[in-house]
Amino acid sequence: MGKEVGTLGDLFQTIKAGRASVVTDHIETFTANGIRLKSGQELQADIIVTATGLQLQVFGGVELRIDGQPRALSELMTYKGVLMQDVPNLGWIMGYTNASWTLKADLAAHYICRLLNHMDKTGKQVAVPRAPAGMAENDTILGSLSSGYVRRASATLPRQGRELPWRMLHNYQRDRVMLGEEGIEDGFLKFTAAPKQPVLEPATALAA
């Protein structure tokens, strides 16, 4: 690695000066003097710090089911970055990748409160975002990032749509208007009453 560095700025200056380098490869094995890469190159090291690769897990690994049938998140789009296409009454918090995470989290929480108040006022119990046919694109909600952990998770992440409200904006000013000022009912969000529960007949005791 070269000269000892103390801060991230020191690291960049050291690399720029040619006293350190970055190698991207797979580790084959540890050796007496360091590590050997799959390419055959051996890197000498006095200290090795190991770390596992980050694996994204949407919804904490919970399996999504609708009416008893499993639905893959990679087949769905997000609605305004807060609700999920075709999934009733599911709100989730997804922050920004280019700004403070809490900026979007606050906007999303505020929108969910607006939605719940609207449903309470109109007497509706179920809200489901419905997308027009052909709206989905192959790009994921984190498609703007090229990190390895994002690419590894691309097969499990929700999709982007061709246009709003099926796109993740990552833009505070536009999200502030869409989530905080625009009307709740826009034609895409469908509202219904809760399905009626079957009435169970009281049990009858039979005398012997």
N, C-alpha and C. Protein backbone atom coordinates (compact mmCIF):
# COMPACT_ATOMS: atom_id res chain seq x y z
N MET A 1 0.82 -1.19 0.00
CA MET A 1 0.00 0.00 0.00
C MET A 1 0.86 1.25 0.00
N GLY A 2 2.03 1.18 0.55
CA GLY A 2 2.90 2.36 0.53
C GLY A 2 2.85 3.11 1.84
N LYS A 3 3.01 4.43 1.74
CA LYS A 3 3.10 5.29 2.92
C LYS A 3 1.83 5.24 3.74
N GLU A 4 2.01 5.29 5.04
CA GLU A 4 0.86 5.30 5.96
C GLU A 4 0.03 6.57 5.73
N VAL A 5 -1.29 6.41 5.74
CA VAL A 5 -2.18 7.55 5.55
C VAL A 5 -3.10 7.66 6.76
N GLY A 6 -3.56 8.90 7.02
CA GLY A 6 -4.38 9.10 8.22
C GLY A 6 -5.82 9.45 7.93
N THR A 7 -6.11 10.20 6.86
CA THR A 7 -7.47 10.60 6.53
C THR A 7 -7.77 10.25 5.09
N LEU A 8 -9.06 10.36 4.72
CA LEU A 8 -9.44 10.07 3.35
C LEU A 8 -8.75 11.02 2.38
N GLY A 9 -8.63 12.30 2.79
CA GLY A 9 -7.91 13.26 1.95
C GLY A 9 -6.47 12.87 1.77
N ASP A 10 -5.82 12.40 2.84
CA ASP A 10 -4.44 11.92 2.75
C ASP A 10 -4.33 10.76 1.76
N LEU A 11 -5.35 9.88 1.78
CA LEU A 11 -5.34 8.72 0.88
C LEU A 11 -5.35 9.17 -0.57
N PHE A 12 -6.22 10.11 -0.90
CA PHE A 12 -6.30 10.59 -2.28
C PHE A 12 -4.99 11.25 -2.70
N GLN A 13 -4.41 12.04 -1.82
CA GLN A 13 -3.15 12.70 -2.14
C GLN A 13 -2.04 11.68 -2.34
N THR A 14 -2.04 10.63 -1.53
CA THR A 14 -1.02 9.60 -1.64
C THR A 14 -1.14 8.84 -2.95
N ILE A 15 -2.39 8.51 -3.35
CA ILE A 15 -2.60 7.83 -4.62
C ILE A 15 -2.18 8.73 -5.77
N LYS A 16 -2.55 10.01 -5.69
CA LYS A 16 -2.21 10.96 -6.76
C LYS A 16 -0.70 11.09 -6.93
N ALA A 17 0.02 11.02 -5.80
CA ALA A 17 1.48 11.16 -5.85
C ALA A 17 2.17 9.86 -6.29
N GLY A 18 1.39 8.80 -6.45
CA GLY A 18 1.97 7.54 -6.91
C GLY A 18 2.59 6.71 -5.81
N ARG A 19 2.33 7.06 -4.55
CA ARG A 19 2.89 6.30 -3.44
C ARG A 19 1.96 5.19 -2.96
N ALA A 20 0.78 5.08 -3.58
CA ALA A 20 -0.17 4.01 -3.24
C ALA A 20 -0.96 3.69 -4.51
N SER A 21 -1.57 2.52 -4.53
CA SER A 21 -2.35 2.11 -5.69
C SER A 21 -3.58 1.33 -5.24
N VAL A 22 -4.55 1.24 -6.13
CA VAL A 22 -5.77 0.48 -5.87
C VAL A 22 -5.83 -0.68 -6.86
N VAL A 23 -6.07 -1.87 -6.35
CA VAL A 23 -6.15 -3.07 -7.19
C VAL A 23 -7.53 -3.68 -7.04
N THR A 24 -8.19 -3.95 -8.16
CA THR A 24 -9.49 -4.61 -8.15
C THR A 24 -9.33 -6.01 -8.70
N ASP A 25 -9.63 -7.00 -7.86
CA ASP A 25 -9.45 -8.39 -8.27
C ASP A 25 -10.14 -9.27 -7.25
N HIS A 26 -10.07 -10.58 -7.41
CA HIS A 26 -10.58 -11.54 -6.44
C HIS A 26 -9.41 -12.17 -5.69
N ILE A 27 -9.59 -12.38 -4.39
CA ILE A 27 -8.54 -12.99 -3.58
C ILE A 27 -8.55 -14.50 -3.78
N GLU A 28 -7.41 -15.04 -4.12
CA GLU A 28 -7.28 -16.49 -4.28
C GLU A 28 -6.97 -17.15 -2.94
N THR A 29 -5.97 -16.62 -2.23
CA THR A 29 -5.58 -17.20 -0.96
C THR A 29 -4.66 -16.25 -0.21
N PHE A 30 -4.51 -16.51 1.07
CA PHE A 30 -3.52 -15.79 1.85
C PHE A 30 -2.16 -16.47 1.68
N THR A 31 -1.10 -15.68 1.72
CA THR A 31 0.26 -16.21 1.62
C THR A 31 1.05 -15.78 2.85
N ALA A 32 2.28 -16.24 2.92
CA ALA A 32 3.13 -15.88 4.07
C ALA A 32 3.40 -14.38 4.12
N ASN A 33 3.38 -13.72 2.98
CA ASN A 33 3.73 -12.30 2.93
C ASN A 33 2.54 -11.38 2.64
N GLY A 34 1.36 -11.94 2.44
CA GLY A 34 0.21 -11.10 2.13
C GLY A 34 -0.92 -11.91 1.53
N ILE A 35 -1.38 -11.52 0.32
CA ILE A 35 -2.44 -12.25 -0.36
C ILE A 35 -2.09 -12.43 -1.83
N ARG A 36 -2.57 -13.55 -2.38
CA ARG A 36 -2.40 -13.79 -3.81
C ARG A 36 -3.76 -13.67 -4.47
N LEU A 37 -3.82 -12.92 -5.57
CA LEU A 37 -5.05 -12.70 -6.31
C LEU A 37 -5.25 -13.78 -7.36
N LYS A 38 -6.47 -13.89 -7.87
CA LYS A 38 -6.75 -14.91 -8.89
C LYS A 38 -5.96 -14.66 -10.16
N SER A 39 -5.57 -13.43 -10.39
CA SER A 39 -4.75 -13.12 -11.56
C SER A 39 -3.32 -13.62 -11.41
N GLY A 40 -2.95 -14.04 -10.19
CA GLY A 40 -1.60 -14.52 -9.93
C GLY A 40 -0.73 -13.48 -9.23
N GLN A 41 -1.19 -12.23 -9.22
CA GLN A 41 -0.42 -11.17 -8.56
C GLN A 41 -0.45 -11.37 -7.05
N GLU A 42 0.69 -11.12 -6.42
CA GLU A 42 0.75 -11.20 -4.96
C GLU A 42 0.96 -9.81 -4.38
N LEU A 43 0.13 -9.48 -3.41
CA LEU A 43 0.23 -8.20 -2.73
C LEU A 43 0.81 -8.42 -1.35
N GLN A 44 1.94 -7.78 -1.08
CA GLN A 44 2.55 -7.91 0.24
C GLN A 44 1.86 -6.96 1.22
N ALA A 45 1.66 -7.45 2.42
CA ALA A 45 0.95 -6.63 3.42
C ALA A 45 1.37 -7.05 4.82
N ASP A 46 1.55 -6.07 5.68
CA ASP A 46 1.82 -6.34 7.09
C ASP A 46 0.52 -6.59 7.85
N ILE A 47 -0.55 -5.87 7.47
CA ILE A 47 -1.86 -6.00 8.11
C ILE A 47 -2.92 -6.16 7.03
N ILE A 48 -3.83 -7.09 7.21
CA ILE A 48 -4.94 -7.31 6.28
C ILE A 48 -6.25 -7.13 7.05
N VAL A 49 -7.09 -6.23 6.57
CA VAL A 49 -8.41 -5.99 7.18
C VAL A 49 -9.46 -6.61 6.25
N THR A 50 -10.19 -7.59 6.75
CA THR A 50 -11.19 -8.27 5.92
C THR A 50 -12.55 -7.61 6.09
N ALA A 51 -13.34 -7.63 5.03
CA ALA A 51 -14.70 -7.08 5.06
C ALA A 51 -15.54 -7.84 4.06
N THR A 52 -16.79 -8.10 4.41
CA THR A 52 -17.68 -8.82 3.49
C THR A 52 -18.36 -7.83 2.57
N GLY A 53 -18.72 -8.26 1.37
CA GLY A 53 -19.42 -7.41 0.43
C GLY A 53 -20.85 -7.16 0.89
N LEU A 54 -21.32 -5.93 0.70
CA LEU A 54 -22.67 -5.57 1.10
C LEU A 54 -23.69 -6.22 0.17
N GLN A 55 -24.71 -6.84 0.77
CA GLN A 55 -25.78 -7.46 -0.01
C GLN A 55 -27.10 -6.74 0.34
N LEU A 56 -27.67 -6.06 -0.64
CA LEU A 56 -28.93 -5.37 -0.40
C LEU A 56 -30.06 -6.37 -0.20
N GLN A 57 -30.95 -6.05 0.74
CA GLN A 57 -32.08 -6.92 1.02
C GLN A 57 -33.32 -6.05 1.17
N VAL A 58 -34.13 -5.98 0.12
CA VAL A 58 -35.32 -5.14 0.12
C VAL A 58 -36.38 -5.75 1.04
N PHE A 59 -37.02 -4.90 1.83
CA PHE A 59 -38.04 -5.33 2.79
C PHE A 59 -37.49 -6.30 3.83
N GLY A 60 -36.18 -6.26 4.05
CA GLY A 60 -35.60 -7.12 5.07
C GLY A 60 -35.70 -8.60 4.75
N GLY A 61 -35.90 -8.94 3.48
CA GLY A 61 -35.99 -10.35 3.09
C GLY A 61 -37.38 -10.94 3.21
N VAL A 62 -38.39 -10.12 3.57
CA VAL A 62 -39.76 -10.63 3.69
C VAL A 62 -40.30 -10.98 2.31
N GLU A 63 -40.95 -12.12 2.19
CA GLU A 63 -41.56 -12.52 0.93
C GLU A 63 -42.90 -11.82 0.75
N LEU A 64 -43.07 -11.14 -0.36
CA LEU A 64 -44.30 -10.41 -0.63
C LEU A 64 -45.32 -11.35 -1.26
N ARG A 65 -46.52 -11.39 -0.68
CA ARG A 65 -47.61 -12.20 -1.20
C ARG A 65 -48.87 -11.35 -1.30
N ILE A 66 -49.60 -11.51 -2.40
CA ILE A 66 -50.86 -10.82 -2.60
C ILE A 66 -51.93 -11.87 -2.88
N ASP A 67 -52.95 -11.90 -2.05
CA ASP A 67 -54.00 -12.93 -2.15
C ASP A 67 -53.39 -14.33 -2.14
N GLY A 68 -52.35 -14.48 -1.34
CA GLY A 68 -51.73 -15.79 -1.20
C GLY A 68 -50.71 -16.14 -2.26
N GLN A 69 -50.58 -15.28 -3.28
CA GLN A 69 -49.65 -15.57 -4.36
C GLN A 69 -48.38 -14.73 -4.23
N PRO A 70 -47.20 -15.34 -4.36
CA PRO A 70 -45.95 -14.57 -4.24
C PRO A 70 -45.79 -13.60 -5.40
N ARG A 71 -45.27 -12.41 -5.10
CA ARG A 71 -44.97 -11.41 -6.13
C ARG A 71 -43.52 -10.98 -5.96
N ALA A 72 -42.79 -11.00 -7.04
CA ALA A 72 -41.38 -10.57 -7.01
C ALA A 72 -41.31 -9.05 -7.10
N LEU A 73 -40.55 -8.44 -6.22
CA LEU A 73 -40.41 -6.99 -6.23
C LEU A 73 -39.79 -6.50 -7.53
N SER A 74 -38.97 -7.32 -8.15
CA SER A 74 -38.32 -6.93 -9.40
C SER A 74 -39.31 -6.82 -10.55
N GLU A 75 -40.55 -7.26 -10.35
CA GLU A 75 -41.58 -7.16 -11.37
C GLU A 75 -42.47 -5.93 -11.16
N LEU A 76 -42.22 -5.20 -10.08
CA LEU A 76 -43.09 -4.09 -9.71
C LEU A 76 -42.35 -2.76 -9.77
N MET A 77 -43.11 -1.68 -9.87
CA MET A 77 -42.56 -0.34 -9.83
C MET A 77 -43.02 0.35 -8.55
N THR A 78 -42.27 1.35 -8.14
CA THR A 78 -42.71 2.16 -7.01
C THR A 78 -43.58 3.30 -7.52
N TYR A 79 -44.54 3.69 -6.70
CA TYR A 79 -45.43 4.80 -7.00
C TYR A 79 -45.00 5.99 -6.15
N LYS A 80 -44.54 7.05 -6.81
CA LYS A 80 -44.03 8.25 -6.14
C LYS A 80 -42.88 7.92 -5.19
N GLY A 81 -42.27 6.75 -5.39
CA GLY A 81 -41.16 6.35 -4.53
C GLY A 81 -41.58 5.99 -3.12
N VAL A 82 -42.91 5.82 -2.89
CA VAL A 82 -43.41 5.59 -1.53
C VAL A 82 -44.29 4.35 -1.46
N LEU A 83 -45.16 4.14 -2.45
CA LEU A 83 -46.03 2.97 -2.47
C LEU A 83 -45.53 1.99 -3.52
N MET A 84 -46.13 0.80 -3.56
CA MET A 84 -45.68 -0.23 -4.48
C MET A 84 -46.81 -0.63 -5.43
N GLN A 85 -46.50 -0.70 -6.69
CA GLN A 85 -47.47 -1.05 -7.72
C GLN A 85 -48.23 -2.34 -7.38
N ASP A 86 -49.56 -2.28 -7.47
CA ASP A 86 -50.45 -3.43 -7.31
C ASP A 86 -50.47 -4.02 -5.90
N VAL A 87 -49.83 -3.37 -4.96
CA VAL A 87 -49.79 -3.87 -3.59
C VAL A 87 -50.66 -2.97 -2.72
N PRO A 88 -51.70 -3.49 -2.09
CA PRO A 88 -52.60 -2.65 -1.30
C PRO A 88 -51.97 -2.22 0.03
N ASN A 89 -52.14 -0.93 0.32
CA ASN A 89 -51.81 -0.39 1.64
C ASN A 89 -50.37 -0.68 2.09
N LEU A 90 -49.44 -0.55 1.18
CA LEU A 90 -48.04 -0.78 1.54
C LEU A 90 -47.24 0.50 1.29
N GLY A 91 -46.79 1.13 2.36
CA GLY A 91 -45.92 2.28 2.24
C GLY A 91 -44.52 1.91 2.71
N TRP A 92 -43.50 2.47 2.04
CA TRP A 92 -42.14 2.18 2.46
C TRP A 92 -41.30 3.44 2.34
N ILE A 93 -40.23 3.46 3.07
CA ILE A 93 -39.37 4.64 3.14
C ILE A 93 -38.07 4.36 2.41
N MET A 94 -37.81 5.14 1.36
CA MET A 94 -36.58 5.03 0.59
C MET A 94 -35.98 6.41 0.47
N GLY A 95 -34.78 6.61 0.99
CA GLY A 95 -34.16 7.93 0.99
C GLY A 95 -33.44 8.23 -0.31
N TYR A 96 -32.70 9.33 -0.30
CA TYR A 96 -31.97 9.77 -1.49
C TYR A 96 -30.60 9.09 -1.56
N THR A 97 -30.12 8.93 -2.77
CA THR A 97 -28.76 8.42 -2.97
C THR A 97 -27.79 9.55 -3.26
N ASN A 98 -28.31 10.75 -3.49
CA ASN A 98 -27.45 11.89 -3.83
C ASN A 98 -27.57 13.03 -2.84
N ALA A 99 -28.26 12.78 -1.72
CA ALA A 99 -28.44 13.81 -0.68
C ALA A 99 -28.73 13.10 0.63
N SER A 100 -29.04 13.89 1.65
CA SER A 100 -29.35 13.30 2.95
C SER A 100 -30.52 12.33 2.85
N TRP A 101 -30.34 11.15 3.41
CA TRP A 101 -31.39 10.12 3.37
C TRP A 101 -32.67 10.63 4.02
N THR A 102 -32.54 11.38 5.09
CA THR A 102 -33.72 11.82 5.85
C THR A 102 -34.55 12.86 5.11
N LEU A 103 -33.99 13.56 4.13
CA LEU A 103 -34.79 14.51 3.36
C LEU A 103 -35.97 13.80 2.69
N LYS A 104 -35.68 12.70 2.01
CA LYS A 104 -36.74 11.95 1.35
C LYS A 104 -37.58 11.18 2.37
N ALA A 105 -36.95 10.69 3.43
CA ALA A 105 -37.70 9.95 4.44
C ALA A 105 -38.79 10.82 5.05
N ASP A 106 -38.48 12.08 5.33
CA ASP A 106 -39.47 13.00 5.89
C ASP A 106 -40.60 13.26 4.89
N LEU A 107 -40.25 13.47 3.61
CA LEU A 107 -41.28 13.70 2.60
C LEU A 107 -42.19 12.47 2.45
N ALA A 108 -41.59 11.29 2.46
CA ALA A 108 -42.36 10.07 2.30
C ALA A 108 -43.31 9.87 3.49
N ALA A 109 -42.83 10.11 4.70
CA ALA A 109 -43.67 9.97 5.89
C ALA A 109 -44.82 10.97 5.86
N HIS A 110 -44.53 12.19 5.42
CA HIS A 110 -45.58 13.21 5.31
C HIS A 110 -46.64 12.80 4.29
N TYR A 111 -46.20 12.24 3.16
CA TYR A 111 -47.15 11.81 2.14
C TYR A 111 -48.04 10.68 2.67
N ILE A 112 -47.45 9.72 3.37
CA ILE A 112 -48.24 8.61 3.92
C ILE A 112 -49.29 9.14 4.89
N CYS A 113 -48.95 10.14 5.69
CA CYS A 113 -49.93 10.74 6.60
C CYS A 113 -51.04 11.43 5.81
N ARG A 114 -50.69 12.15 4.74
CA ARG A 114 -51.70 12.78 3.88
C ARG A 114 -52.63 11.74 3.29
N LEU A 115 -52.05 10.62 2.84
CA LEU A 115 -52.85 9.55 2.25
C LEU A 115 -53.80 8.94 3.27
N LEU A 116 -53.32 8.65 4.46
CA LEU A 116 -54.16 8.06 5.50
C LEU A 116 -55.30 9.01 5.89
N ASN A 117 -55.00 10.30 5.99
CA ASN A 117 -56.04 11.28 6.33
C ASN A 117 -57.10 11.35 5.23
N HIS A 118 -56.64 11.28 3.97
CA HIS A 118 -57.58 11.30 2.84
C HIS A 118 -58.48 10.07 2.88
N MET A 119 -57.91 8.90 3.14
CA MET A 119 -58.70 7.68 3.20
C MET A 119 -59.69 7.72 4.35
N ASP A 120 -59.27 8.27 5.47
CA ASP A 120 -60.17 8.38 6.62
C ASP A 120 -61.33 9.33 6.30
N LYS A 121 -61.02 10.41 5.61
CA LYS A 121 -62.04 11.41 5.26
C LYS A 121 -63.05 10.87 4.25
N THR A 122 -62.57 10.07 3.30
CA THR A 122 -63.45 9.55 2.24
C THR A 122 -64.03 8.18 2.56
N GLY A 123 -63.69 7.61 3.70
CA GLY A 123 -64.24 6.33 4.09
C GLY A 123 -63.71 5.14 3.31
N LYS A 124 -62.49 5.25 2.80
CA LYS A 124 -61.88 4.15 2.06
C LYS A 124 -60.83 3.47 2.94
N GLN A 125 -60.73 2.17 2.76
CA GLN A 125 -59.77 1.41 3.58
C GLN A 125 -58.61 0.82 2.77
N VAL A 126 -58.72 0.82 1.45
CA VAL A 126 -57.70 0.18 0.62
C VAL A 126 -57.26 1.15 -0.47
N ALA A 127 -55.93 1.30 -0.63
CA ALA A 127 -55.35 2.12 -1.69
C ALA A 127 -54.33 1.28 -2.45
N VAL A 128 -54.51 1.19 -3.77
CA VAL A 128 -53.62 0.36 -4.61
C VAL A 128 -53.18 1.16 -5.83
N PRO A 129 -51.88 1.37 -6.02
CA PRO A 129 -51.40 2.03 -7.25
C PRO A 129 -51.49 1.08 -8.44
N ARG A 130 -52.15 1.55 -9.52
CA ARG A 130 -52.28 0.74 -10.73
C ARG A 130 -51.58 1.45 -11.88
N ALA A 131 -50.66 0.75 -12.53
CA ALA A 131 -49.87 1.35 -13.60
C ALA A 131 -50.42 0.97 -14.97
N PRO A 132 -50.33 1.88 -15.95
CA PRO A 132 -50.74 1.53 -17.31
C PRO A 132 -49.82 0.45 -17.88
N ALA A 133 -50.34 -0.32 -18.83
CA ALA A 133 -49.54 -1.37 -19.46
C ALA A 133 -48.37 -0.75 -20.21
N GLY A 134 -47.22 -1.43 -20.16
CA GLY A 134 -46.05 -0.98 -20.88
C GLY A 134 -45.29 0.16 -20.24
N MET A 135 -45.61 0.47 -19.00
CA MET A 135 -44.95 1.58 -18.32
C MET A 135 -43.57 1.21 -17.79
N ALA A 136 -43.36 -0.05 -17.40
CA ALA A 136 -42.12 -0.46 -16.73
C ALA A 136 -40.93 -0.46 -17.68
N GLU A 137 -39.78 -0.09 -17.13
CA GLU A 137 -38.51 -0.18 -17.83
C GLU A 137 -37.61 -1.16 -17.10
N ASN A 138 -36.49 -1.51 -17.70
CA ASN A 138 -35.59 -2.48 -17.09
C ASN A 138 -34.73 -1.84 -16.00
N ASP A 139 -34.64 -0.52 -15.99
CA ASP A 139 -33.83 0.18 -15.01
C ASP A 139 -34.43 0.03 -13.61
N THR A 140 -33.57 -0.14 -12.60
CA THR A 140 -34.06 -0.29 -11.23
C THR A 140 -34.13 1.06 -10.54
N ILE A 141 -34.68 1.08 -9.34
CA ILE A 141 -34.80 2.33 -8.58
C ILE A 141 -33.44 2.87 -8.16
N LEU A 142 -32.39 2.05 -8.24
CA LEU A 142 -31.03 2.49 -7.93
C LEU A 142 -30.16 2.47 -9.18
N GLY A 143 -30.80 2.59 -10.33
CA GLY A 143 -30.07 2.49 -11.59
C GLY A 143 -29.04 3.58 -11.80
N SER A 144 -29.16 4.68 -11.06
CA SER A 144 -28.20 5.77 -11.21
C SER A 144 -26.86 5.46 -10.54
N LEU A 145 -26.82 4.39 -9.74
CA LEU A 145 -25.59 4.00 -9.05
C LEU A 145 -24.93 2.83 -9.77
N SER A 146 -23.60 2.83 -9.79
CA SER A 146 -22.86 1.77 -10.47
C SER A 146 -22.07 0.90 -9.49
N SER A 147 -22.32 1.05 -8.19
CA SER A 147 -21.59 0.28 -7.19
C SER A 147 -21.83 -1.22 -7.37
N GLY A 148 -20.84 -2.00 -6.97
CA GLY A 148 -20.96 -3.44 -7.11
C GLY A 148 -22.15 -4.02 -6.37
N TYR A 149 -22.42 -3.54 -5.16
CA TYR A 149 -23.53 -4.09 -4.39
C TYR A 149 -24.88 -3.76 -5.02
N VAL A 150 -24.97 -2.64 -5.74
CA VAL A 150 -26.20 -2.29 -6.45
C VAL A 150 -26.39 -3.21 -7.66
N ARG A 151 -25.31 -3.44 -8.40
CA ARG A 151 -25.40 -4.32 -9.56
C ARG A 151 -25.76 -5.74 -9.15
N ARG A 152 -25.18 -6.20 -8.02
CA ARG A 152 -25.50 -7.56 -7.57
C ARG A 152 -26.96 -7.71 -7.20
N ALA A 153 -27.58 -6.63 -6.74
CA ALA A 153 -28.97 -6.69 -6.28
C ALA A 153 -29.98 -6.32 -7.36
N SER A 154 -29.51 -6.04 -8.57
CA SER A 154 -30.40 -5.54 -9.62
C SER A 154 -31.55 -6.49 -9.92
N ALA A 155 -31.33 -7.78 -9.75
CA ALA A 155 -32.38 -8.76 -10.06
C ALA A 155 -33.48 -8.80 -9.01
N THR A 156 -33.28 -8.13 -7.88
CA THR A 156 -34.27 -8.16 -6.80
C THR A 156 -34.90 -6.80 -6.53
N LEU A 157 -34.39 -5.73 -7.16
CA LEU A 157 -34.88 -4.39 -6.87
C LEU A 157 -36.11 -4.04 -7.71
N PRO A 158 -37.01 -3.21 -7.16
CA PRO A 158 -38.14 -2.73 -7.97
C PRO A 158 -37.67 -1.96 -9.19
N ARG A 159 -38.53 -1.90 -10.21
CA ARG A 159 -38.19 -1.25 -11.47
C ARG A 159 -38.57 0.23 -11.48
N GLN A 160 -38.01 0.93 -12.45
CA GLN A 160 -38.42 2.30 -12.75
C GLN A 160 -39.48 2.27 -13.86
N GLY A 161 -40.32 3.31 -13.88
CA GLY A 161 -41.26 3.47 -14.96
C GLY A 161 -40.75 4.50 -15.97
N ARG A 162 -41.41 4.59 -17.12
CA ARG A 162 -40.98 5.52 -18.15
C ARG A 162 -41.25 6.97 -17.76
N GLU A 163 -42.24 7.19 -16.91
CA GLU A 163 -42.59 8.55 -16.52
C GLU A 163 -43.21 8.55 -15.13
N LEU A 164 -43.40 9.75 -14.60
CA LEU A 164 -43.99 9.90 -13.27
C LEU A 164 -45.44 9.42 -13.30
N PRO A 165 -45.95 8.94 -12.15
CA PRO A 165 -45.30 8.86 -10.83
C PRO A 165 -44.57 7.56 -10.56
N TRP A 166 -44.09 6.92 -11.62
CA TRP A 166 -43.47 5.60 -11.49
C TRP A 166 -41.94 5.66 -11.53
N ARG A 167 -41.39 6.84 -11.27
CA ARG A 167 -39.94 7.01 -11.27
C ARG A 167 -39.46 7.53 -9.91
N MET A 168 -38.23 7.15 -9.54
CA MET A 168 -37.58 7.70 -8.36
C MET A 168 -36.82 8.94 -8.80
N LEU A 169 -37.20 10.11 -8.28
CA LEU A 169 -36.63 11.36 -8.77
C LEU A 169 -35.25 11.66 -8.19
N HIS A 170 -35.04 11.37 -6.91
CA HIS A 170 -33.83 11.78 -6.21
C HIS A 170 -33.62 13.29 -6.37
N ASN A 171 -34.73 14.02 -6.26
CA ASN A 171 -34.73 15.47 -6.41
C ASN A 171 -35.66 16.05 -5.35
N TYR A 172 -35.08 16.72 -4.36
CA TYR A 172 -35.88 17.18 -3.21
C TYR A 172 -36.95 18.17 -3.62
N GLN A 173 -36.62 19.15 -4.46
CA GLN A 173 -37.59 20.18 -4.82
C GLN A 173 -38.78 19.59 -5.57
N ARG A 174 -38.54 18.69 -6.50
CA ARG A 174 -39.64 18.08 -7.24
C ARG A 174 -40.44 17.13 -6.37
N ASP A 175 -39.75 16.37 -5.51
CA ASP A 175 -40.45 15.47 -4.60
C ASP A 175 -41.31 16.25 -3.60
N ARG A 176 -40.82 17.40 -3.17
CA ARG A 176 -41.57 18.21 -2.20
C ARG A 176 -42.93 18.62 -2.78
N VAL A 177 -42.95 18.92 -4.07
CA VAL A 177 -44.22 19.28 -4.72
C VAL A 177 -45.09 18.04 -4.92
N MET A 178 -44.49 16.97 -5.46
CA MET A 178 -45.25 15.76 -5.78
C MET A 178 -45.85 15.11 -4.54
N LEU A 179 -45.05 15.03 -3.47
CA LEU A 179 -45.49 14.33 -2.27
C LEU A 179 -46.23 15.24 -1.29
N GLY A 180 -45.92 16.52 -1.30
CA GLY A 180 -46.49 17.40 -0.29
C GLY A 180 -47.58 18.32 -0.76
N GLU A 181 -47.69 18.53 -2.10
CA GLU A 181 -48.64 19.52 -2.59
C GLU A 181 -49.64 18.98 -3.61
N GLU A 182 -49.24 18.05 -4.45
CA GLU A 182 -50.15 17.53 -5.46
C GLU A 182 -51.28 16.74 -4.81
N GLY A 183 -52.43 16.70 -5.49
CA GLY A 183 -53.58 16.00 -4.96
C GLY A 183 -53.34 14.51 -4.78
N ILE A 184 -54.03 13.91 -3.84
CA ILE A 184 -53.87 12.49 -3.58
C ILE A 184 -54.44 11.66 -4.73
N GLU A 185 -55.61 12.01 -5.19
CA GLU A 185 -56.27 11.24 -6.24
C GLU A 185 -55.78 11.74 -7.61
N ASP A 186 -55.09 10.87 -8.34
CA ASP A 186 -54.53 11.25 -9.63
C ASP A 186 -54.90 10.29 -10.75
N GLY A 187 -55.80 9.36 -10.48
CA GLY A 187 -56.20 8.39 -11.49
C GLY A 187 -55.40 7.11 -11.46
N PHE A 188 -54.20 7.15 -10.90
CA PHE A 188 -53.38 5.94 -10.79
C PHE A 188 -53.62 5.22 -9.47
N LEU A 189 -53.93 5.97 -8.43
CA LEU A 189 -54.14 5.40 -7.11
C LEU A 189 -55.62 5.07 -6.96
N LYS A 190 -55.92 3.78 -6.86
CA LYS A 190 -57.30 3.31 -6.80
C LYS A 190 -57.71 3.04 -5.36
N PHE A 191 -58.90 3.51 -5.01
CA PHE A 191 -59.39 3.38 -3.65
C PHE A 191 -60.63 2.50 -3.63
N THR A 192 -60.71 1.63 -2.63
CA THR A 192 -61.89 0.79 -2.44
C THR A 192 -62.14 0.64 -0.94
N ALA A 193 -63.34 0.14 -0.63
CA ALA A 193 -63.63 -0.21 0.75
C ALA A 193 -63.01 -1.56 1.06
N ALA A 194 -62.82 -1.85 2.31
CA ALA A 194 -62.25 -3.14 2.70
C ALA A 194 -63.22 -4.25 2.31
N PRO A 195 -62.70 -5.39 1.85
CA PRO A 195 -63.60 -6.51 1.51
C PRO A 195 -64.34 -6.99 2.74
N LYS A 196 -65.58 -7.37 2.51
CA LYS A 196 -66.39 -7.85 3.63
C LYS A 196 -65.87 -9.19 4.12
N GLN A 197 -65.81 -9.32 5.43
CA GLN A 197 -65.38 -10.57 6.03
C GLN A 197 -66.57 -11.53 6.12
N PRO A 198 -66.34 -12.81 5.88
CA PRO A 198 -67.46 -13.76 5.98
C PRO A 198 -68.02 -13.81 7.40
N VAL A 199 -69.32 -13.90 7.47
CA VAL A 199 -69.99 -13.96 8.77
C VAL A 199 -70.00 -15.41 9.24
N LEU A 200 -69.44 -15.62 10.40
CA LEU A 200 -69.38 -16.98 10.95
C LEU A 200 -70.61 -17.25 11.80
N GLU A 201 -71.29 -18.35 11.49
CA GLU A 201 -72.46 -18.74 12.28
C GLU A 201 -72.00 -19.25 13.64
N PRO A 202 -72.75 -18.91 14.69
CA PRO A 202 -72.38 -19.40 16.03
C PRO A 202 -72.46 -20.92 16.09
N ALA A 203 -71.57 -21.50 16.81
CA ALA A 203 -71.54 -22.94 16.95
C ALA A 203 -72.76 -23.41 17.74
N THR A 204 -73.31 -24.55 17.36
CA THR A 204 -74.49 -25.11 18.04
C THR A 204 -74.07 -26.37 18.80
N ALA A 205 -74.40 -26.37 20.06
CA ALA A 205 -74.05 -27.53 20.89
C ALA A 205 -75.10 -28.63 20.67
N LEU A 206 -74.65 -29.82 20.39
CA LEU A 206 -75.54 -30.93 20.18
C LEU A 206 -75.63 -31.77 21.45
N ALA A 207 -76.86 -32.00 21.84
CA ALA A 207 -77.06 -32.81 23.05
C ALA A 207 -76.98 -34.28 22.69
N ALA A 208 -76.39 -35.06 23.57
CA ALA A 208 -76.27 -36.48 23.31
C ALA A 208 -77.62 -37.14 23.48
